[in-house]
């Protein structure tokens, strides 16, 4: 078995070293015990709560996890409430801690306060199945849950849109039947149905098919036979047929750790009216591959935010993961499909929470890679973690790399956008080997493949670095590869700017906006960086002729 992290000081997972822990045949093993359950709980209550204001500040929580002291956990949360009195997140997490201690009356009072401070009710309903489960015996809590009615707890989220179909994701409060009706010009165009159930964490994906190309649809929702009025609008526009010239604009980034005051970022992105949102990893910062509780807690928190929900209900979403939502800081999954044993469970939770066109090679070859096409623009989304194996000098693994080559070779699209969770340019992270800098031979192999097969129009995008950059990667006897990098959507934690870049920005949270226009003879590419305050910071404009040997 390959050990799952590459650095022994992974800040996000150090609590493992404080649990019953042995080394067997050169492998590190954590034993299933009461200590593990407690550590995971405190990790949820504190490791996550620290990230509300600083995603990488684990000092206090790490010490408490070491000793498994829930009382001290509550004390820390009280201190956070005093320091940030207007932030309901701390109140809510203290309510969870008290519920786990059996102090139900205190917990419910704090929960009611948290709801008045705009903690979403849907998040409470989702957490009621596990972290808040002790409160279910209270009539007061049941009345709170009943207020949710048939409303989805998270979603709807639009995804996998084509010229004649779309998929809609959502999570419900309990097992039920969900119908989605697509309306066009005031009339029903089609409808789809799914069942949600506990085994799937009450999530469902409804496929809408038989739609018209390049047309707008609005969605109506019927849950267990009852039409639901949502606090937002769910709509989407189908694409032009594959191969057709088109204009397409997408927002992208990573580093979306939950920070209460930064949730306005999703409204700022929505104001730019992108056709799609590409989330390239570190989308929710669970940092705990051993615990589905931690992963679900972080997904509920990310997906319950109303500004976020309003964005994803009308913007097609595509996602891949990186270290903080796959494993831990700078982790490597290794070459095996099912070892370490947490890999497939993490993959299953990921699939429950997104609506991508595919997830690697499916159950036989799990992962998060896939591709999709918009007119004559081809998007290729890569998984840089599941099969990463440093001794094997591969980030992608042999199956994904072969798929990437086949996909590039068979693509007839004018522009091919290849997305990596970590930067392609070696200079983005100093001497770190976590980027493609640690897998130079494989990157060279991919770039040589482009040259040898005369594959034009390749554009690179990436995330991981907590800033927004533009880079030019010069190649001998081949057109340069331009890379657009952005990964500070909501994070507080920031990485320094890089002078070698075309531009590099880190003063505020930011996202990248790419506008592609393939209708001219020489297609246009515009990349701009926007701050959380809606300021346009940088712009780079290119032509297809600059990323092609065919002038």
Protein backbone atom coordinates (compact mmCIF):
# COMPACT_ATOMS: atom_id res chain seq x y z
CA UNK A 1 0.00 0.00 0.00
CA UNK A 2 1.30 3.42 -0.84
CA UNK A 3 1.20 5.87 2.04
CA UNK A 4 -1.29 8.59 1.21
CA UNK A 5 0.49 11.82 2.02
CA UNK A 6 3.80 12.95 0.73
CA UNK A 7 4.80 15.25 3.60
CA UNK A 8 4.87 14.02 7.22
CA UNK A 9 3.87 17.45 8.50
CA UNK A 10 0.54 17.80 6.68
CA UNK A 11 -1.04 20.52 8.79
CA UNK A 12 -4.57 19.44 8.01
CA UNK A 13 -4.26 15.86 9.24
CA UNK A 14 -1.83 15.88 12.13
CA UNK A 15 -4.53 14.67 14.51
CA UNK A 16 -3.91 11.18 13.10
CA UNK A 17 -0.63 11.03 14.98
CA UNK A 18 -2.44 11.51 18.27
CA UNK A 19 -4.72 8.48 17.81
CA UNK A 20 -4.03 4.76 18.32
CA UNK A 21 -1.42 4.50 15.61
CA UNK A 22 1.04 1.74 14.66
CA UNK A 23 3.33 0.83 11.81
CA UNK A 24 2.75 -2.57 10.21
CA UNK A 25 4.97 -3.86 7.42
CA UNK A 26 6.09 -0.33 6.70
CA UNK A 27 2.51 0.98 6.63
CA UNK A 28 0.92 3.47 9.01
CA UNK A 29 -2.35 2.16 10.48
CA UNK A 30 -4.97 4.06 12.49
CA UNK A 31 -7.09 1.70 14.57
CA UNK A 32 -10.85 2.06 14.73
CA UNK A 33 -11.51 3.02 18.31
CA UNK A 34 -13.45 5.40 20.50
CA UNK A 35 -10.47 7.73 20.32
CA UNK A 36 -10.78 7.96 16.54
CA UNK A 37 -14.48 8.82 16.78
CA UNK A 38 -13.79 11.56 19.30
CA UNK A 39 -10.89 12.98 17.32
CA UNK A 40 -12.98 13.11 14.16
CA UNK A 41 -15.75 14.88 16.08
CA UNK A 42 -13.43 17.50 17.50
CA UNK A 43 -11.82 17.85 14.09
CA UNK A 44 -15.23 18.75 12.73
CA UNK A 45 -15.98 21.15 15.55
CA UNK A 46 -12.63 22.87 15.64
CA UNK A 47 -10.54 22.08 12.57
CA UNK A 48 -13.39 23.39 10.42
CA UNK A 49 -14.27 26.28 12.67
CA UNK A 50 -10.76 27.63 12.60
CA UNK A 51 -11.09 27.82 8.83
CA UNK A 52 -14.03 30.20 9.03
CA UNK A 53 -11.52 33.01 9.43
CA UNK A 54 -8.25 31.34 8.45
CA UNK A 55 -8.25 28.07 6.57
CA UNK A 56 -4.77 27.05 7.69
CA UNK A 57 -4.77 28.07 11.38
CA UNK A 58 -4.83 24.72 13.18
CA UNK A 59 -2.68 25.43 16.27
CA UNK A 60 -5.43 25.59 18.88
CA UNK A 61 -7.55 22.84 17.37
CA UNK A 62 -4.54 20.56 16.91
CA UNK A 63 -3.68 20.76 20.61
CA UNK A 64 -7.27 20.05 21.62
CA UNK A 65 -7.51 17.16 19.20
CA UNK A 66 -4.33 15.74 20.73
CA UNK A 67 -6.06 15.56 24.15
CA UNK A 68 -9.62 14.93 22.93
CA UNK A 69 -11.12 17.66 25.13
CA UNK A 70 -14.60 18.70 24.04
CA UNK A 71 -14.91 21.07 27.00
CA UNK A 72 -11.93 23.00 25.72
CA UNK A 73 -13.40 22.89 22.25
CA UNK A 74 -16.44 24.72 23.60
CA UNK A 75 -14.19 27.25 25.32
CA UNK A 76 -12.41 28.00 22.07
CA UNK A 77 -15.73 28.50 20.32
CA UNK A 78 -16.88 30.86 23.08
CA UNK A 79 -13.70 32.89 22.55
CA UNK A 80 -14.38 32.96 18.80
CA UNK A 81 -17.95 34.15 19.44
CA UNK A 82 -16.59 36.98 21.58
CA UNK A 83 -14.05 37.95 18.94
CA UNK A 84 -16.53 37.72 16.05
CA UNK A 85 -19.91 38.52 17.64
CA UNK A 86 -21.72 39.02 14.32
CA UNK A 87 -20.61 35.70 12.82
CA UNK A 88 -23.27 33.01 13.29
CA UNK A 89 -20.88 30.26 12.20
CA UNK A 90 -19.25 30.14 15.64
CA UNK A 91 -22.62 30.10 17.38
CA UNK A 92 -23.76 27.24 15.18
CA UNK A 93 -20.66 25.15 15.78
CA UNK A 94 -20.88 25.69 19.52
CA UNK A 95 -24.47 24.45 19.30
CA UNK A 96 -23.17 21.28 17.61
CA UNK A 97 -20.54 20.80 20.33
CA UNK A 98 -23.11 21.13 23.09
CA UNK A 99 -25.46 18.72 21.34
CA UNK A 100 -22.67 16.14 21.19
CA UNK A 101 -22.06 16.65 24.92
CA UNK A 102 -25.75 16.01 25.63
CA UNK A 103 -26.42 19.60 26.73
CA UNK A 104 -29.52 19.78 24.58
CA UNK A 105 -31.32 22.77 26.10
CA UNK A 106 -28.23 24.98 25.74
CA UNK A 107 -27.64 23.63 22.25
CA UNK A 108 -31.14 24.38 20.95
CA UNK A 109 -31.04 27.94 22.29
CA UNK A 110 -27.76 28.60 20.51
CA UNK A 111 -29.10 26.96 17.36
CA UNK A 112 -32.08 29.31 17.35
CA UNK A 113 -29.67 32.23 17.73
CA UNK A 114 -27.53 30.95 14.86
CA UNK A 115 -30.59 30.76 12.60
CA UNK A 116 -31.46 34.37 13.46
CA UNK A 117 -27.88 35.22 12.44
CA UNK A 118 -28.54 33.81 8.95
CA UNK A 119 -27.10 30.31 9.29
CA UNK A 120 -29.19 28.56 6.58
CA UNK A 121 -31.96 26.29 7.83
CA UNK A 122 -31.16 23.82 5.05
CA UNK A 123 -27.72 23.29 6.52
CA UNK A 124 -29.25 22.53 9.93
CA UNK A 125 -31.62 20.01 8.33
CA UNK A 126 -28.72 18.30 6.55
CA UNK A 127 -26.63 18.16 9.75
CA UNK A 128 -29.62 16.83 11.72
CA UNK A 129 -28.96 13.37 10.29
CA UNK A 130 -25.61 13.14 12.06
CA UNK A 131 -23.93 15.95 13.99
CA UNK A 132 -27.19 17.40 15.34
CA UNK A 133 -28.92 14.03 15.65
CA UNK A 134 -29.05 14.21 19.51
CA UNK A 135 -31.45 17.17 19.19
CA UNK A 136 -34.02 15.12 17.30
CA UNK A 137 -35.58 14.01 20.59
CA UNK A 138 -36.63 17.62 21.27
CA UNK A 139 -40.01 18.82 20.03
CA UNK A 140 -38.54 22.30 19.58
CA UNK A 141 -35.98 20.93 17.17
CA UNK A 142 -38.61 19.03 15.21
CA UNK A 143 -40.54 22.27 14.78
CA UNK A 144 -37.40 23.88 13.37
CA UNK A 145 -36.97 21.04 10.90
CA UNK A 146 -40.62 21.27 9.88
CA UNK A 147 -40.08 24.91 8.90
CA UNK A 148 -37.99 23.65 6.00
CA UNK A 149 -41.01 21.89 4.53
CA UNK A 150 -40.27 20.33 1.14
CA UNK A 151 -37.53 22.82 0.33
CA UNK A 152 -34.22 21.34 -0.90
CA UNK A 153 -31.58 21.64 1.80
CA UNK A 154 -28.95 22.45 -0.86
CA UNK A 155 -29.21 23.15 -4.57
CA UNK A 156 -30.53 23.16 -7.15
CA UNK A 157 -27.28 23.09 -9.10
CA UNK A 158 -27.10 23.08 -12.91
CA UNK A 159 -24.55 20.83 -14.62
CA UNK A 160 -23.63 18.73 -17.63
CA UNK A 161 -25.43 21.01 -20.08
CA UNK A 162 -25.27 20.00 -23.76
CA UNK A 163 -27.08 21.19 -26.89
CA UNK A 164 -30.08 18.99 -26.06
CA UNK A 165 -29.90 18.08 -22.36
CA UNK A 166 -29.01 19.23 -18.86
CA UNK A 167 -28.77 17.79 -15.35
CA UNK A 168 -30.06 19.30 -12.11
CA UNK A 169 -28.61 18.31 -8.70
CA UNK A 170 -30.14 18.87 -5.28
CA UNK A 171 -30.25 17.51 -1.74
CA UNK A 172 -33.51 16.94 0.09
CA UNK A 173 -34.43 16.81 3.79
CA UNK A 174 -35.45 13.15 3.66
CA UNK A 175 -36.02 10.33 1.19
CA UNK A 176 -38.49 11.49 -1.46
CA UNK A 177 -39.39 11.72 -5.13
CA UNK A 178 -38.17 14.77 -7.04
CA UNK A 179 -39.51 15.96 -10.37
CA UNK A 180 -37.96 18.80 -12.35
CA UNK A 181 -40.04 20.44 -15.08
CA UNK A 182 -38.18 22.43 -17.76
CA UNK A 183 -40.22 25.37 -19.06
CA UNK A 184 -39.55 27.13 -22.38
CA UNK A 185 -41.52 30.18 -23.54
CA UNK A 186 -44.09 29.55 -20.80
CA UNK A 187 -44.80 25.95 -21.77
CA UNK A 188 -43.55 22.64 -20.41
CA UNK A 189 -40.73 21.32 -22.59
CA UNK A 190 -39.85 18.16 -20.66
CA UNK A 191 -39.59 16.73 -17.18
CA UNK A 192 -37.34 14.30 -15.35
CA UNK A 193 -37.53 12.44 -12.06
CA UNK A 194 -35.28 10.91 -9.43
CA UNK A 195 -35.49 9.41 -5.95
CA UNK A 196 -33.34 10.58 -3.06
CA UNK A 197 -32.43 8.21 -0.25
CA UNK A 198 -30.27 8.00 2.84
CA UNK A 199 -27.61 5.84 1.16
CA UNK A 200 -26.95 8.68 -1.29
CA UNK A 201 -27.01 11.32 1.48
CA UNK A 202 -30.42 12.43 0.17
CA UNK A 203 -28.96 13.76 -3.08
CA UNK A 204 -30.38 13.27 -6.54
CA UNK A 205 -29.62 14.20 -10.14
CA UNK A 206 -32.46 14.75 -12.62
CA UNK A 207 -31.68 14.55 -16.33
CA UNK A 208 -33.67 16.74 -18.71
CA UNK A 209 -33.48 15.53 -22.31
CA UNK A 210 -34.91 16.32 -25.73
CA UNK A 211 -34.22 20.06 -25.44
CA UNK A 212 -33.64 22.60 -28.19
CA UNK A 213 -30.12 23.83 -28.88
CA UNK A 214 -29.14 27.35 -27.84
CA UNK A 215 -32.38 27.89 -25.89
CA UNK A 216 -33.19 29.08 -22.39
CA UNK A 217 -35.15 26.99 -19.88
CA UNK A 218 -36.53 27.71 -16.41
CA UNK A 219 -37.06 24.91 -13.90
CA UNK A 220 -39.99 24.12 -11.62
CA UNK A 221 -39.63 21.59 -8.79
CA UNK A 222 -42.14 19.07 -7.48
CA UNK A 223 -41.13 17.14 -4.35
CA UNK A 224 -43.34 14.25 -3.24
CA UNK A 225 -46.12 15.65 -5.37
CA UNK A 226 -45.92 19.18 -3.95
CA UNK A 227 -44.76 22.10 -6.12
CA UNK A 228 -41.99 23.91 -4.25
CA UNK A 229 -41.41 27.66 -4.42
CA UNK A 230 -37.67 28.30 -4.17
CA UNK A 231 -35.94 31.46 -2.84
CA UNK A 232 -34.03 31.65 -6.14
CA UNK A 233 -34.40 31.12 -9.87
CA UNK A 234 -33.14 27.95 -11.53
CA UNK A 235 -32.51 28.32 -15.23
CA UNK A 236 -30.00 27.33 -17.88
CA UNK A 237 -29.26 27.76 -21.56
CA UNK A 238 -28.49 24.81 -23.80
CA UNK A 239 -25.36 24.93 -25.94
CA UNK A 240 -24.89 25.26 -29.67
CA UNK A 241 -24.24 21.91 -31.42
CA UNK A 242 -20.74 20.45 -31.10
CA UNK A 243 -18.37 21.79 -33.72
CA UNK A 244 -20.21 25.10 -34.17
CA UNK A 245 -18.41 28.43 -33.72
CA UNK A 246 -19.53 30.05 -30.47
CA UNK A 247 -18.99 32.68 -27.84
CA UNK A 248 -18.50 31.27 -24.35
CA UNK A 249 -17.41 32.85 -21.07
CA UNK A 250 -16.50 30.93 -17.96
CA UNK A 251 -15.44 31.90 -14.46
CA UNK A 252 -12.89 29.69 -12.75
CA UNK A 253 -10.87 29.32 -9.61
CA UNK A 254 -10.15 27.25 -6.54
CA UNK A 255 -9.52 27.96 -2.88
CA UNK A 256 -13.17 28.24 -1.82
CA UNK A 257 -12.83 27.62 1.91
CA UNK A 258 -15.87 28.90 3.79
CA UNK A 259 -15.34 32.40 5.19
CA UNK A 260 -18.57 34.08 6.25
CA UNK A 261 -17.64 37.57 5.11
CA UNK A 262 -16.41 36.37 1.72
CA UNK A 263 -19.55 34.59 0.54
CA UNK A 264 -20.38 37.73 -1.42
CA UNK A 265 -17.84 36.48 -3.97
CA UNK A 266 -20.53 34.27 -5.51
CA UNK A 267 -22.73 37.29 -6.15
CA UNK A 268 -19.78 39.12 -7.73
CA UNK A 269 -19.24 36.18 -10.08
CA UNK A 270 -22.97 36.04 -10.86
CA UNK A 271 -22.89 39.73 -11.79
CA UNK A 272 -20.41 38.91 -14.57
CA UNK A 273 -22.98 36.43 -16.02
CA UNK A 274 -20.62 33.58 -16.93
CA UNK A 275 -21.98 30.65 -18.92
CA UNK A 276 -20.14 28.21 -16.65
CA UNK A 277 -18.25 28.03 -13.36
CA UNK A 278 -15.19 25.77 -13.22
CA UNK A 279 -14.12 24.91 -9.66
CA UNK A 280 -10.61 23.49 -9.89
CA UNK A 281 -10.05 22.10 -6.40
CA UNK A 282 -9.86 23.02 -2.72
CA UNK A 283 -13.56 23.63 -3.07
CA UNK A 284 -14.51 23.09 0.59
CA UNK A 285 -11.42 22.12 2.70
CA UNK A 286 -12.43 18.97 4.58
CA UNK A 287 -8.80 17.80 4.96
CA UNK A 288 -9.99 14.50 6.38
CA UNK A 289 -10.21 11.54 4.00
CA UNK A 290 -10.85 9.16 6.90
CA UNK A 291 -14.14 10.78 7.93
CA UNK A 292 -17.24 11.14 5.76
CA UNK A 293 -18.66 13.19 8.66
CA UNK A 294 -16.04 15.88 8.14
CA UNK A 295 -16.43 15.81 4.37
CA UNK A 296 -20.22 16.09 4.51
CA UNK A 297 -20.08 18.84 7.12
CA UNK A 298 -17.87 20.92 4.82
CA UNK A 299 -19.99 20.22 1.74
CA UNK A 300 -23.17 21.22 3.59
CA UNK A 301 -21.54 24.44 4.72
CA UNK A 302 -20.30 25.33 1.25
CA UNK A 303 -23.50 24.42 -0.58
CA UNK A 304 -25.99 25.97 1.87
CA UNK A 305 -24.79 29.53 1.34
CA UNK A 306 -27.57 31.47 -0.42
CA UNK A 307 -25.23 33.57 -2.64
CA UNK A 308 -23.58 30.33 -3.75
CA UNK A 309 -26.92 28.62 -4.35
CA UNK A 310 -28.17 31.53 -6.44
CA UNK A 311 -25.06 31.30 -8.63
CA UNK A 312 -25.05 27.55 -9.22
CA UNK A 313 -28.81 27.47 -9.88
CA UNK A 314 -28.27 29.46 -13.07
CA UNK A 315 -24.65 28.77 -14.01
CA UNK A 316 -23.42 25.39 -15.23
CA UNK A 317 -20.93 23.97 -12.72
CA UNK A 318 -17.93 21.72 -13.46
CA UNK A 319 -15.57 20.53 -10.73
CA UNK A 320 -12.37 18.64 -10.02
CA UNK A 321 -10.67 18.16 -6.68
CA UNK A 322 -7.27 18.99 -5.22
CA UNK A 323 -5.50 17.99 -2.01
CA UNK A 324 -7.78 19.65 0.55
CA UNK A 325 -10.99 18.08 -0.77
CA UNK A 326 -9.43 14.75 -1.78
CA UNK A 327 -7.04 14.07 1.10
CA UNK A 328 -4.71 16.35 3.01
CA UNK A 329 -2.15 19.02 2.22
CA UNK A 330 0.09 18.05 -0.74
CA UNK A 331 -1.17 14.45 -0.66
CA UNK A 332 -0.53 11.67 -3.16
CA UNK A 333 -3.17 8.98 -3.61
CA UNK A 334 -0.84 6.33 -4.98
CA UNK A 335 -1.23 3.89 -7.90
CA UNK A 336 -3.94 1.64 -6.45
CA UNK A 337 -7.67 1.97 -7.04
CA UNK A 338 -8.76 0.97 -3.54
CA UNK A 339 -5.73 1.64 -1.35
CA UNK A 340 -5.55 3.51 0.95
CA UNK A 341 -8.99 2.27 1.92
CA UNK A 342 -10.46 5.79 2.12
CA UNK A 343 -10.01 6.55 -1.59
CA UNK A 344 -13.26 5.05 -2.91
CA UNK A 345 -15.37 6.41 0.00
CA UNK A 346 -13.99 9.92 -0.62
CA UNK A 347 -14.78 9.49 -4.33
CA UNK A 348 -18.33 8.44 -3.49
CA UNK A 349 -18.91 11.52 -1.31
CA UNK A 350 -17.49 13.71 -4.08
CA UNK A 351 -19.88 12.20 -6.63
CA UNK A 352 -22.82 12.75 -4.29
CA UNK A 353 -22.09 16.47 -4.13
CA UNK A 354 -21.51 17.45 -7.77
CA UNK A 355 -23.12 16.99 -11.16
CA UNK A 356 -20.21 16.39 -13.53
CA UNK A 357 -20.58 14.62 -16.91
CA UNK A 358 -18.38 11.76 -15.63
CA UNK A 359 -16.08 10.74 -12.77
CA UNK A 360 -12.89 9.28 -14.18
CA UNK A 361 -13.40 5.82 -15.56
CA UNK A 362 -16.31 5.03 -13.25
CA UNK A 363 -16.29 2.26 -10.63
CA UNK A 364 -13.57 0.30 -12.45
CA UNK A 365 -11.22 3.29 -12.57
CA UNK A 366 -12.40 5.93 -10.06
CA UNK A 367 -11.27 9.53 -10.36
CA UNK A 368 -12.62 12.96 -11.23
CA UNK A 369 -11.32 13.44 -14.79
CA UNK A 370 -13.66 13.97 -17.75
CA UNK A 371 -14.17 16.18 -20.79
CA UNK A 372 -16.99 18.17 -22.33
CA UNK A 373 -17.50 20.27 -25.44
CA UNK A 374 -19.04 23.68 -26.05
CA UNK A 375 -19.43 24.26 -29.78
CA UNK A 376 -15.88 24.05 -31.10
CA UNK A 377 -14.28 24.51 -27.67
CA UNK A 378 -13.14 21.37 -25.87
CA UNK A 379 -12.62 21.28 -22.08
CA UNK A 380 -10.42 18.54 -20.60
CA UNK A 381 -10.54 18.30 -16.80
CA UNK A 382 -7.73 16.42 -15.03
CA UNK A 383 -7.42 14.58 -11.72
CA UNK A 384 -4.04 15.35 -10.16
CA UNK A 385 -4.48 13.43 -6.90
CA UNK A 386 -6.15 9.99 -7.06
CA UNK A 387 -3.27 8.22 -8.87
CA UNK A 388 -0.45 10.63 -8.07
CA UNK A 389 2.61 8.52 -7.27
CA UNK A 390 5.90 10.24 -6.66
CA UNK A 391 8.08 7.11 -6.88
CA UNK A 392 6.33 6.34 -10.16
CA UNK A 393 6.95 9.91 -11.36
CA UNK A 394 3.33 10.34 -12.36
CA UNK A 395 0.65 12.80 -11.38
CA UNK A 396 -2.04 11.33 -13.62
CA UNK A 397 -1.41 7.59 -13.55
CA UNK A 398 -1.15 5.50 -16.74
CA UNK A 399 -4.89 5.11 -17.43
CA UNK A 400 -5.71 8.81 -17.18
CA UNK A 401 -2.61 9.80 -19.14
CA UNK A 402 -3.55 7.46 -21.98
CA UNK A 403 -7.08 8.89 -21.91
CA UNK A 404 -5.69 12.43 -22.06
CA UNK A 405 -3.60 11.63 -25.13
CA UNK A 406 -6.52 9.94 -26.91
CA UNK A 407 -8.79 12.86 -26.09
CA UNK A 408 -6.33 15.46 -27.36
CA UNK A 409 -5.55 13.47 -30.50
CA UNK A 410 -9.19 12.96 -31.44
CA UNK A 411 -10.31 16.52 -30.70
CA UNK A 412 -11.28 18.66 -33.68
CA UNK A 413 -12.12 21.70 -31.53
CA UNK A 414 -10.49 25.01 -32.33
CA UNK A 415 -9.55 25.66 -28.69
CA UNK A 416 -8.70 22.95 -26.18
CA UNK A 417 -8.78 24.09 -22.53
CA UNK A 418 -6.84 21.68 -20.33
CA UNK A 419 -7.55 22.14 -16.61
CA UNK A 420 -5.17 20.96 -13.88
CA UNK A 421 -5.74 21.36 -10.12
CA UNK A 422 -2.10 22.47 -9.73
CA UNK A 423 0.00 24.83 -11.87
CA UNK A 424 1.79 23.69 -15.01
CA UNK A 425 4.44 26.42 -14.83
CA UNK A 426 7.40 25.34 -12.70
CA UNK A 427 8.00 28.79 -11.22
CA UNK A 428 4.62 29.17 -9.52
CA UNK A 429 5.59 27.59 -6.17
CA UNK A 430 9.33 27.91 -5.77
CA UNK A 431 11.05 24.58 -5.23
CA UNK A 432 7.87 22.76 -4.23
CA UNK A 433 7.33 19.40 -5.93
CA UNK A 434 3.56 19.53 -5.44
CA UNK A 435 2.94 21.24 -8.78
CA UNK A 436 4.00 19.86 -12.18
CA UNK A 437 7.49 20.87 -11.03
CA UNK A 438 7.54 17.55 -9.19
CA UNK A 439 6.56 15.59 -12.32
CA UNK A 440 8.71 17.18 -15.00
CA UNK A 441 9.17 14.07 -17.11
CA UNK A 442 5.43 13.54 -17.36
CA UNK A 443 4.78 17.19 -18.23
CA UNK A 444 7.49 17.02 -20.89
CA UNK A 445 5.89 13.87 -22.27
CA UNK A 446 2.52 15.62 -22.57
CA UNK A 447 3.95 18.77 -24.14
CA UNK A 448 6.04 16.71 -26.59
CA UNK A 449 2.88 14.80 -27.51
CA UNK A 450 1.28 18.11 -28.49
CA UNK A 451 4.23 18.99 -30.73
CA UNK A 452 4.67 15.57 -32.30
CA UNK A 453 1.00 15.38 -33.22
CA UNK A 454 0.69 19.04 -34.26
CA UNK A 455 -2.12 19.69 -31.78
CA UNK A 456 -2.92 23.38 -31.94
CA UNK A 457 -5.04 25.69 -29.83
CA UNK A 458 -4.17 24.37 -26.36
CA UNK A 459 -4.86 26.70 -23.44
CA UNK A 460 -3.92 25.77 -19.85
CA UNK A 461 -5.82 26.67 -16.68
CA UNK A 462 -5.07 25.73 -13.07
CA UNK A 463 -5.64 26.55 -9.41
CA UNK A 464 -3.88 25.78 -6.06
CA UNK A 465 -1.94 29.06 -5.63
CA UNK A 466 -3.90 31.57 -3.51
CA UNK A 467 -3.68 34.39 -6.04
CA UNK A 468 -4.43 34.97 -9.75
CA UNK A 469 -1.66 34.75 -12.38
CA UNK A 470 -1.01 34.66 -16.11
CA UNK A 471 2.02 32.74 -17.39
CA UNK A 472 3.68 32.13 -20.73
CA UNK A 473 5.48 28.80 -21.09
CA UNK A 474 7.88 29.00 -24.02
CA UNK A 475 8.66 25.79 -25.92
CA UNK A 476 11.45 25.12 -28.37
CA UNK A 477 10.17 24.78 -31.95
CA UNK A 478 6.53 25.00 -30.85
CA UNK A 479 3.98 27.66 -30.02
CA UNK A 480 4.03 28.91 -26.39
CA UNK A 481 1.51 27.58 -23.91
CA UNK A 482 -0.36 30.22 -21.92
CA UNK A 483 -1.54 29.32 -18.45
CA UNK A 484 -4.27 31.10 -16.48
CA UNK A 485 -4.10 30.35 -12.75
CA UNK A 486 -6.54 31.42 -10.01
CA UNK A 487 -7.25 29.96 -6.58
CA UNK A 488 -8.30 32.49 -4.01
CA UNK A 489 -12.06 32.61 -4.44
CA UNK A 490 -12.89 33.02 -0.74
CA UNK A 491 -9.78 32.03 1.21
CA UNK A 492 -8.10 34.32 3.71
CA UNK A 493 -4.78 32.52 3.37
CA UNK A 494 -2.67 34.11 0.61
CA UNK A 495 0.46 33.22 -1.36
CA UNK A 496 3.00 35.83 -2.51
CA UNK A 497 2.91 37.21 -6.03
CA UNK A 498 5.46 36.07 -8.60
CA UNK A 499 7.50 38.62 -10.53
CA UNK A 500 8.20 36.20 -13.38
CA UNK A 501 4.51 35.98 -14.31
CA UNK A 502 2.86 38.15 -16.97
CA UNK A 503 0.83 39.41 -14.03
CA UNK A 504 0.23 38.14 -10.50
CA UNK A 505 -2.38 39.42 -8.05
CA UNK A 506 -3.08 38.59 -4.39
CA UNK A 507 -4.32 41.71 -2.58
CA UNK A 508 -7.92 40.53 -2.42
CA UNK A 509 -9.90 37.38 -3.10
CA UNK A 510 -10.28 37.00 -6.88
CA UNK A 511 -11.45 34.82 -9.73
CA UNK A 512 -10.54 34.36 -13.36
CA UNK A 513 -12.95 35.12 -16.19
CA UNK A 514 -12.16 33.71 -19.63
CA UNK A 515 -14.08 34.84 -22.71
CA UNK A 516 -13.68 32.74 -25.84
CA UNK A 517 -14.98 33.78 -29.23
CA UNK A 518 -14.42 31.27 -32.01
CA UNK A 519 -16.64 33.03 -34.57
CA UNK A 520 -13.81 35.10 -36.19
CA UNK A 521 -11.28 33.52 -38.55
CA UNK A 522 -8.69 34.12 -35.83
CA UNK A 523 -10.59 33.28 -32.59
CA UNK A 524 -10.26 35.60 -29.60
CA UNK A 525 -9.20 34.71 -26.05
CA UNK A 526 -9.61 37.21 -23.21
CA UNK A 527 -8.55 36.44 -19.65
CA UNK A 528 -9.36 38.92 -16.89
CA UNK A 529 -8.94 38.85 -13.12
CA UNK A 530 -11.72 40.26 -10.93
CA UNK A 531 -11.55 41.03 -7.22
CA UNK A 532 -14.17 40.20 -4.62
CA UNK A 533 -15.21 43.86 -4.78
CA UNK A 534 -16.03 43.62 -8.48
CA UNK A 535 -12.88 45.39 -9.68
CA UNK A 536 -11.26 44.35 -12.93
CA UNK A 537 -7.60 44.02 -11.98
CA UNK A 538 -5.77 42.59 -15.01
CA UNK A 539 -6.53 41.51 -18.56
CA UNK A 540 -4.65 39.50 -21.16
CA UNK A 541 -5.91 39.25 -24.74
CA UNK A 542 -4.73 36.59 -27.18
CA UNK A 543 -5.58 35.30 -30.62
CA UNK A 544 -5.76 31.71 -31.77
CA UNK A 545 -2.80 32.36 -34.04
CA UNK A 546 -0.66 32.88 -30.92
CA UNK A 547 -1.36 29.33 -29.69
CA UNK A 548 -1.14 27.55 -33.00
CA UNK A 549 1.43 26.56 -35.58
CA UNK A 550 -1.23 27.26 -38.23
CA UNK A 551 -0.94 31.01 -38.69
